[in-house]
Amino acid sequence: MSVRPTLSAALATLTAAGLLTACGAGDAATDEVKPKGQRGTGIDIGPDRHRIRGRKADAIAAKVPEAVRERGTLRLGASADASPPLGFYATDDKTRIGSEIDLATLIADTLGLKPQFEQVSWENLFVGLDSSKFDGVLSNVTVTEERKEKYDFATYRLDNIAFEARKGSGRKVKEPKDVAGRTIAVSSGTNQEKILVDWSEENVRAGRKPVDIKYFQKDTDYYLALRSGRIDAYLGPGPSANYHVASAGQSEIVGTLSGAGDGLQGKIAATTKKGSGLVEAYAAAIDHIVRDGSYAEVLKRWGLTDEAVTRSEINPPGLPRPGNRARESAARAPRES
């Protein structure tokens, strides 16, 4: 299991860097994080926050394999990394919160099962599925053609990436020419890097300037560079970018695109071992919470409304195999997408 940084330590680092003013970071009465001076409520990251819950849908619960129904629990693997707003620890550094936890809980409620979470390192999520230790994983996993050989998928969110720039920059990024000659930061070894490198090469072929690509070691380094003007934008996973914009108030999203690149919309899915008999139940449960509105409530709470789906798809087209693409998206924690 990876060593998790506590939320209080992460907030302290960001606050010291001048990147995040968390009203609730040191205020046990509110447990809210929001930009300095912002009126109204911020993002509730306290352990006692109200979690949206669902009700059992008998017809959908009947789709669950008998062995799982008799056990009464849904064993779910989740990444141990602190990755707001997907999954992280509340201000007590013990209670796990985030959009993935909330959605997984709603799905379990719909299936009439008690969610049983275990936080592990990224690679152990798949080890857990392979060994049948986990019934499923809801941890920002992107559908890929290679993964479909071993796992079944029921989609529940779009996989988008975003360009984040200083607030008031006036920039808009829609296509390669919009970043020609610009200094853009990205995490090494990610699908975002692959897309940015492709865009830079396309600019060169078109006679434009290449992208000046920069790499840093930590998220806080990217945000410091953005704030100081050393980079024009940072390309990263959409959820983490939206969360940083909402919590720090010093930057803005200037462009979004599919995490799969041109020609394919990347999709995040509930993942289960192929042949487990659970994928249809997951898809039906996701469709149910979409219809009853609880799904939209969760996405709105965490700033992910623009990544909503209208229905769950089982094993849709995924990112190409590595042989057809230099890298596929890991789509896990923001630093690892």
Foldseek 3Di string as FASTA:
>chain_A
DDDEDFPLVVQVVCVVLLQFDQPLSPPVVQCFFFAPPDDDGHFRQAQPDDADEAAADVVLLVLADPVQVVVQEAEEEEAPYAFPQQWHHGSVSPHIHHLLVRVVRRLCRHNRGHYDYDHDHLVVNVVCQVVVVGQWYRFQAWFAPVVVVWKKWKFWWWWKKFKKAFPPPPAADDALVSQFVFEEEEFPPALQVQQLQVSQVVCVVVVTHGHNYDYDDDPSVVSSCRVVVVGGIYIWTPLRSQQSCGRHVGMDTRYMDASLHPPDTITRTIMHTPPSSCNSSSQVSSLVCLVVVVSCVSCVSSVNNVTGDNGIDMNDHGRYDCVVGVHDHRRGHTSRD
